[in-house]
N, C-alpha and C. Protein backbone atom coordinates (compact mmCIF):
# COMPACT_ATOMS: atom_id res chain seq x y z
N VAL A 1 -8.35 31.79 17.22
CA VAL A 1 -9.53 30.76 17.75
C VAL A 1 -8.73 29.45 18.19
N GLN A 2 -8.79 29.20 19.53
CA GLN A 2 -8.05 27.95 20.27
C GLN A 2 -8.89 27.05 20.45
N LEU A 3 -8.82 25.42 20.23
CA LEU A 3 -9.31 24.63 20.55
C LEU A 3 -8.59 23.68 21.44
N GLN A 4 -8.79 23.34 22.64
CA GLN A 4 -8.25 22.84 23.62
C GLN A 4 -8.62 21.47 24.23
N ALA A 5 -8.37 20.21 23.68
CA ALA A 5 -8.79 19.18 23.73
C ALA A 5 -7.95 18.20 25.06
N SER A 6 -8.83 17.53 26.27
CA SER A 6 -8.47 17.05 27.24
C SER A 6 -9.18 15.90 27.61
N GLY A 7 -8.40 14.94 28.32
CA GLY A 7 -9.15 13.97 28.80
C GLY A 7 -8.71 12.69 28.51
N GLY A 8 -7.77 12.39 27.35
CA GLY A 8 -7.46 11.38 26.98
C GLY A 8 -6.33 10.61 28.11
N GLY A 9 -5.81 9.50 27.63
CA GLY A 9 -5.37 8.64 28.24
C GLY A 9 -5.20 6.91 28.01
N LEU A 10 -4.88 6.30 28.95
CA LEU A 10 -4.61 4.78 28.93
C LEU A 10 -6.17 4.35 30.07
N VAL A 11 -6.85 3.27 29.08
CA VAL A 11 -7.95 2.57 29.72
C VAL A 11 -8.06 1.29 29.52
N GLN A 12 -8.60 0.37 30.13
CA GLN A 12 -8.88 -0.91 29.62
C GLN A 12 -10.27 -1.09 28.94
N ALA A 13 -9.73 -1.91 28.15
CA ALA A 13 -11.50 -2.39 27.08
C ALA A 13 -12.34 -2.86 28.10
N GLY A 14 -13.47 -2.37 27.69
CA GLY A 14 -14.56 -2.14 28.49
C GLY A 14 -14.81 -1.10 29.50
N GLY A 15 -13.93 -0.07 29.59
CA GLY A 15 -13.80 1.11 30.31
C GLY A 15 -14.39 2.47 29.49
N SER A 16 -14.34 3.52 30.38
CA SER A 16 -15.12 4.68 30.13
C SER A 16 -14.06 5.64 30.15
N MET A 17 -14.32 6.67 29.29
CA MET A 17 -13.63 8.02 29.38
C MET A 17 -14.25 9.14 28.90
N ARG A 18 -13.69 10.64 29.38
CA ARG A 18 -14.72 11.48 28.73
C ARG A 18 -13.81 12.26 28.10
N LEU A 19 -14.05 12.75 27.05
CA LEU A 19 -13.05 13.88 26.29
C LEU A 19 -13.64 15.40 26.44
N ALA A 20 -12.92 16.56 26.43
CA ALA A 20 -13.48 17.89 26.67
C ALA A 20 -12.45 18.41 25.63
N CYS A 21 -13.32 19.44 24.93
CA CYS A 21 -12.84 20.78 24.15
C CYS A 21 -13.11 21.67 24.10
N THR A 22 -12.61 22.85 24.60
CA THR A 22 -12.72 24.06 25.09
C THR A 22 -12.15 24.96 24.04
N VAL A 23 -13.06 26.08 23.72
CA VAL A 23 -13.02 26.90 22.75
C VAL A 23 -12.94 28.05 23.35
N SER A 24 -11.64 28.85 22.80
CA SER A 24 -11.42 30.33 23.42
C SER A 24 -10.97 30.80 22.13
N GLY A 25 -11.32 32.26 22.29
CA GLY A 25 -10.93 33.28 21.15
C GLY A 25 -11.76 33.19 19.97
N GLY A 26 -13.08 32.88 20.03
CA GLY A 26 -13.86 32.59 18.80
C GLY A 26 -15.32 32.21 19.29
N SER A 27 -16.28 32.06 18.50
CA SER A 27 -17.53 31.55 18.51
C SER A 27 -17.64 30.22 18.68
N PHE A 28 -18.55 29.98 19.69
CA PHE A 28 -18.77 28.45 20.00
C PHE A 28 -20.37 28.06 19.86
N ILE A 29 -20.98 29.10 20.25
CA ILE A 29 -22.49 28.70 20.47
C ILE A 29 -23.26 28.95 19.06
N ASN A 30 -22.78 29.22 18.07
CA ASN A 30 -23.35 29.35 16.86
C ASN A 30 -22.30 28.51 15.59
N ARG A 31 -21.86 27.43 16.16
CA ARG A 31 -20.91 26.80 15.31
C ARG A 31 -20.82 25.07 15.32
N ALA A 32 -21.35 24.25 14.49
CA ALA A 32 -21.16 22.94 14.66
C ALA A 32 -19.66 22.54 15.07
N VAL A 33 -19.41 21.80 15.82
CA VAL A 33 -18.26 21.28 16.22
C VAL A 33 -18.60 19.61 16.13
N ALA A 34 -17.20 18.81 16.22
CA ALA A 34 -17.13 17.46 16.09
C ALA A 34 -15.90 16.89 16.82
N TRP A 35 -16.09 15.28 16.87
CA TRP A 35 -14.93 14.81 17.35
C TRP A 35 -14.25 13.75 16.00
N PHE A 36 -13.21 14.05 15.56
CA PHE A 36 -12.85 13.23 14.57
C PHE A 36 -11.65 12.43 15.15
N ARG A 37 -11.18 11.13 14.71
CA ARG A 37 -9.82 10.45 15.20
C ARG A 37 -9.21 9.87 14.00
N GLN A 38 -7.84 9.32 14.48
CA GLN A 38 -6.93 9.21 13.68
C GLN A 38 -5.83 8.07 14.30
N ALA A 39 -6.15 6.71 13.57
CA ALA A 39 -5.41 5.91 14.31
C ALA A 39 -4.13 5.82 13.40
N PRO A 40 -2.97 5.48 14.08
CA PRO A 40 -1.58 5.10 12.94
C PRO A 40 -1.84 4.53 11.67
N GLY A 41 -1.39 5.36 10.58
CA GLY A 41 -1.49 4.48 9.26
C GLY A 41 -2.83 4.31 8.68
N LYS A 42 -3.78 5.00 9.31
CA LYS A 42 -5.30 5.20 8.93
C LYS A 42 -5.74 6.90 8.92
N GLU A 43 -6.66 6.76 7.89
CA GLU A 43 -7.03 8.29 7.89
C GLU A 43 -7.59 9.06 8.88
N ARG A 44 -7.77 10.29 8.69
CA ARG A 44 -8.73 10.98 10.04
C ARG A 44 -10.16 10.66 9.81
N GLU A 45 -11.11 10.21 10.70
CA GLU A 45 -12.47 10.09 10.43
C GLU A 45 -13.28 10.48 11.75
N PHE A 46 -14.61 10.74 10.88
CA PHE A 46 -15.65 11.25 11.82
C PHE A 46 -16.02 10.35 12.79
N VAL A 47 -16.37 10.73 13.86
CA VAL A 47 -16.57 10.09 15.33
C VAL A 47 -18.17 10.42 15.52
N ALA A 48 -18.09 11.73 15.96
CA ALA A 48 -19.83 12.23 16.33
C ALA A 48 -19.40 14.09 16.06
N GLY A 49 -20.52 14.53 15.84
CA GLY A 49 -20.73 15.89 15.94
C GLY A 49 -22.10 16.30 16.19
N ILE A 50 -22.26 17.59 16.53
CA ILE A 50 -23.30 18.35 17.11
C ILE A 50 -23.41 19.52 16.43
N GLY A 51 -24.90 20.12 16.36
CA GLY A 51 -25.00 21.40 15.71
C GLY A 51 -25.40 22.05 17.34
N TYR A 52 -26.80 22.89 16.79
CA TYR A 52 -26.70 23.63 18.09
C TYR A 52 -26.76 22.92 19.69
N ASP A 53 -27.65 21.83 19.52
CA ASP A 53 -28.03 20.90 20.50
C ASP A 53 -27.91 19.17 20.52
N VAL A 54 -28.17 18.63 21.44
CA VAL A 54 -28.29 17.30 21.43
C VAL A 54 -28.71 16.73 20.32
N GLY A 55 -30.11 17.50 19.92
CA GLY A 55 -31.17 17.03 19.14
C GLY A 55 -30.55 16.86 17.49
N THR A 56 -29.61 17.47 17.51
CA THR A 56 -29.00 17.71 16.13
C THR A 56 -27.71 16.74 15.79
N ALA A 57 -27.08 15.77 17.02
CA ALA A 57 -26.03 14.79 17.30
C ALA A 57 -26.26 13.77 16.10
N ALA A 58 -25.08 13.73 15.44
CA ALA A 58 -24.67 12.70 14.65
C ALA A 58 -23.57 11.62 15.05
N TYR A 59 -23.83 10.23 14.73
CA TYR A 59 -22.69 9.41 15.21
C TYR A 59 -22.24 8.61 14.00
N THR A 60 -20.57 8.20 13.81
CA THR A 60 -20.51 7.18 12.84
C THR A 60 -21.12 5.84 13.47
N ASP A 61 -21.50 4.84 12.44
CA ASP A 61 -21.86 3.70 13.00
C ASP A 61 -21.26 2.92 14.12
N PHE A 62 -19.84 2.76 14.11
CA PHE A 62 -19.25 2.21 15.20
C PHE A 62 -18.88 2.57 16.63
N VAL A 63 -19.56 3.80 16.59
CA VAL A 63 -19.61 4.26 18.01
C VAL A 63 -21.01 4.56 18.35
N LYS A 64 -22.09 4.12 17.53
CA LYS A 64 -23.55 4.52 17.76
C LYS A 64 -23.77 3.34 19.27
N GLY A 65 -24.50 4.23 20.26
CA GLY A 65 -24.93 3.07 21.62
C GLY A 65 -23.61 3.26 22.61
N ARG A 66 -22.44 3.74 22.06
CA ARG A 66 -21.36 3.50 22.99
C ARG A 66 -20.84 5.11 23.19
N PHE A 67 -20.95 6.02 22.80
CA PHE A 67 -20.27 7.25 22.77
C PHE A 67 -21.51 8.22 22.76
N ALA A 68 -21.44 9.45 23.16
CA ALA A 68 -22.41 10.51 23.39
C ALA A 68 -21.75 11.87 23.36
N ILE A 69 -22.02 12.35 22.39
CA ILE A 69 -21.71 13.93 22.24
C ILE A 69 -22.41 14.94 23.07
N SER A 70 -22.02 16.23 23.93
CA SER A 70 -22.81 16.72 24.26
C SER A 70 -21.89 18.48 23.90
N ARG A 71 -22.78 19.37 24.38
CA ARG A 71 -22.02 20.79 24.66
C ARG A 71 -22.64 21.28 25.30
N ASP A 72 -21.59 22.46 26.17
CA ASP A 72 -22.26 23.46 27.10
C ASP A 72 -21.80 24.52 26.51
N ASN A 73 -22.97 25.36 26.11
CA ASN A 73 -22.78 26.32 25.47
C ASN A 73 -21.85 27.43 26.17
N PRO A 74 -22.95 27.84 27.41
CA PRO A 74 -21.92 28.74 28.35
C PRO A 74 -20.68 28.68 28.59
N LYS A 75 -20.20 27.55 28.53
CA LYS A 75 -18.95 27.09 29.14
C LYS A 75 -17.80 26.92 27.55
N ASN A 76 -18.48 27.15 26.58
CA ASN A 76 -17.84 26.90 25.34
C ASN A 76 -17.21 25.50 25.28
N THR A 77 -17.76 24.39 25.66
CA THR A 77 -17.26 23.25 25.90
C THR A 77 -17.86 22.07 25.13
N LEU A 78 -17.26 21.22 24.41
CA LEU A 78 -17.78 20.09 23.66
C LEU A 78 -17.21 18.87 24.71
N TYR A 79 -18.11 17.84 24.65
CA TYR A 79 -17.85 16.80 25.34
C TYR A 79 -17.85 15.73 24.14
N LEU A 80 -17.43 14.23 24.85
CA LEU A 80 -17.47 12.94 24.40
C LEU A 80 -17.37 12.00 25.62
N GLN A 81 -18.39 11.33 25.75
CA GLN A 81 -18.65 10.44 26.55
C GLN A 81 -18.53 9.18 25.76
N MET A 82 -17.16 8.32 25.97
CA MET A 82 -16.99 6.76 25.87
C MET A 82 -17.14 6.15 26.48
N ASN A 83 -18.04 5.23 26.36
CA ASN A 83 -18.25 3.85 27.13
C ASN A 83 -17.71 2.70 26.43
N SER A 84 -17.97 1.69 26.89
CA SER A 84 -17.66 0.22 26.32
C SER A 84 -16.52 0.39 25.26
N LEU A 85 -15.57 1.07 25.83
CA LEU A 85 -14.19 1.12 25.10
C LEU A 85 -13.77 -0.35 24.28
N ASN A 86 -13.29 -0.63 23.33
CA ASN A 86 -12.58 -1.36 22.89
C ASN A 86 -11.28 -1.00 22.41
N THR A 87 -10.13 -2.11 21.88
CA THR A 87 -8.96 -1.76 21.22
C THR A 87 -8.96 -0.93 19.98
N GLU A 88 -10.03 -1.26 19.19
CA GLU A 88 -10.00 -0.12 17.69
C GLU A 88 -10.60 1.08 18.02
N ASP A 89 -10.78 1.46 19.44
CA ASP A 89 -10.86 2.75 19.68
C ASP A 89 -9.60 3.63 19.77
N THR A 90 -8.76 2.88 19.62
CA THR A 90 -7.39 3.50 20.35
C THR A 90 -6.68 4.63 18.99
N ALA A 91 -6.73 5.81 19.34
CA ALA A 91 -6.63 6.50 18.32
C ALA A 91 -6.02 8.02 19.17
N VAL A 92 -5.37 8.79 18.26
CA VAL A 92 -5.66 10.65 18.49
C VAL A 92 -7.10 10.89 18.27
N TYR A 93 -7.70 11.53 19.31
CA TYR A 93 -8.80 12.24 19.21
C TYR A 93 -8.81 13.86 18.87
N TYR A 94 -9.29 14.23 17.87
CA TYR A 94 -9.59 15.86 17.49
C TYR A 94 -10.76 16.36 17.94
N CYS A 95 -10.90 17.77 18.42
CA CYS A 95 -12.16 18.11 18.18
C CYS A 95 -11.77 19.38 17.33
N ALA A 96 -13.11 19.73 16.54
CA ALA A 96 -13.04 20.59 15.67
C ALA A 96 -14.30 21.39 15.44
N ARG A 97 -13.91 22.59 14.76
CA ARG A 97 -14.84 23.53 14.66
C ARG A 97 -15.66 24.00 12.94
N ARG A 98 -16.84 24.04 12.77
CA ARG A 98 -17.04 24.45 11.06
C ARG A 98 -17.18 25.85 11.35
N ILE A 99 -17.35 26.91 10.31
CA ILE A 99 -17.95 28.03 10.09
C ILE A 99 -19.44 28.53 10.39
N ASN A 100 -20.26 27.22 10.49
CA ASN A 100 -21.45 27.53 10.87
C ASN A 100 -22.00 26.36 11.50
N LEU A 101 -23.43 26.19 11.71
CA LEU A 101 -23.73 25.34 12.60
C LEU A 101 -24.69 24.11 11.71
N VAL A 102 -24.11 23.98 10.48
CA VAL A 102 -24.24 22.80 9.44
C VAL A 102 -23.42 21.96 10.03
N LEU A 103 -23.73 20.70 10.30
CA LEU A 103 -22.80 19.56 10.60
C LEU A 103 -22.70 18.84 9.38
N ARG A 104 -21.30 18.52 9.34
CA ARG A 104 -20.53 17.63 8.48
C ARG A 104 -19.64 16.83 8.93
N THR A 105 -19.66 15.44 7.95
CA THR A 105 -18.77 14.55 8.70
C THR A 105 -17.48 14.49 7.86
N ASP A 106 -17.37 15.42 6.88
CA ASP A 106 -15.98 15.35 6.22
C ASP A 106 -15.13 16.31 7.05
N HIS A 107 -13.84 15.80 7.17
CA HIS A 107 -12.80 16.64 8.00
C HIS A 107 -12.37 17.66 7.18
N ARG A 108 -12.54 17.60 5.93
CA ARG A 108 -12.07 18.83 4.91
C ARG A 108 -13.07 20.34 4.95
N GLU A 109 -14.33 19.97 5.69
CA GLU A 109 -15.25 20.84 6.18
C GLU A 109 -15.13 21.90 7.20
N TYR A 110 -13.98 21.21 8.32
CA TYR A 110 -13.86 21.93 9.12
C TYR A 110 -12.85 23.01 9.41
N ASP A 111 -13.03 24.13 9.91
CA ASP A 111 -12.09 25.01 9.71
C ASP A 111 -10.86 25.09 10.72
N ASP A 112 -11.29 24.80 12.14
CA ASP A 112 -10.34 25.00 13.17
C ASP A 112 -10.30 23.74 13.98
N TRP A 113 -9.20 23.43 14.54
CA TRP A 113 -9.09 22.12 15.02
C TRP A 113 -8.20 22.31 16.37
N GLY A 114 -8.28 21.12 17.25
CA GLY A 114 -7.62 21.07 18.63
C GLY A 114 -6.53 20.27 18.24
N GLN A 115 -5.58 20.12 19.21
CA GLN A 115 -4.32 19.48 19.29
C GLN A 115 -4.16 18.18 19.12
N GLY A 116 -5.35 17.83 19.41
CA GLY A 116 -5.36 15.92 19.53
C GLY A 116 -5.16 15.73 20.94
N THR A 117 -5.79 14.60 21.55
CA THR A 117 -5.74 13.90 22.72
C THR A 117 -5.37 12.29 22.45
N GLN A 118 -4.53 11.71 23.09
CA GLN A 118 -4.50 10.42 22.97
C GLN A 118 -5.45 9.51 23.62
N VAL A 119 -6.15 8.65 23.12
CA VAL A 119 -6.75 7.58 23.66
C VAL A 119 -6.27 6.33 23.31
N THR A 120 -5.92 5.57 24.27
CA THR A 120 -5.30 4.06 24.21
C THR A 120 -6.03 3.00 25.19
N VAL A 121 -6.67 2.27 24.70
CA VAL A 121 -7.26 0.86 24.96
C VAL A 121 -6.70 -0.16 25.19
N SER A 122 -6.17 -0.78 26.26
CA SER A 122 -5.49 -1.83 26.25
C SER A 122 -6.53 -3.23 26.31
N SER A 123 -5.84 -4.42 25.74
CA SER A 123 -7.20 -5.50 25.95
C SER A 123 -7.11 -6.10 27.36
């Protein structure tokens, strides 16, 4: 299975960006998927995750109200819409897939990972 993340780049504080992650070579529709991020010198942390649909979405506190996760099952694609970005959101963002539809926030419970996409927010 391959997870291909895209959409990162440089944005000014207060701006928006949308990340996408396409899953190929493996199941998508019956797996929980999530976004994590890792800043230099920090541990990988959960950002947002989703089970079968948006009704199962979960967010970490520091992105609630600013980020929105969604999935397009026919397209095998996961999205992360990020609004009101600030410099603390600067990190490499990774998409990940679990073995089933049960959402977890611990990165150690995810089996498959994308390569990461850099998001840099300038002040």
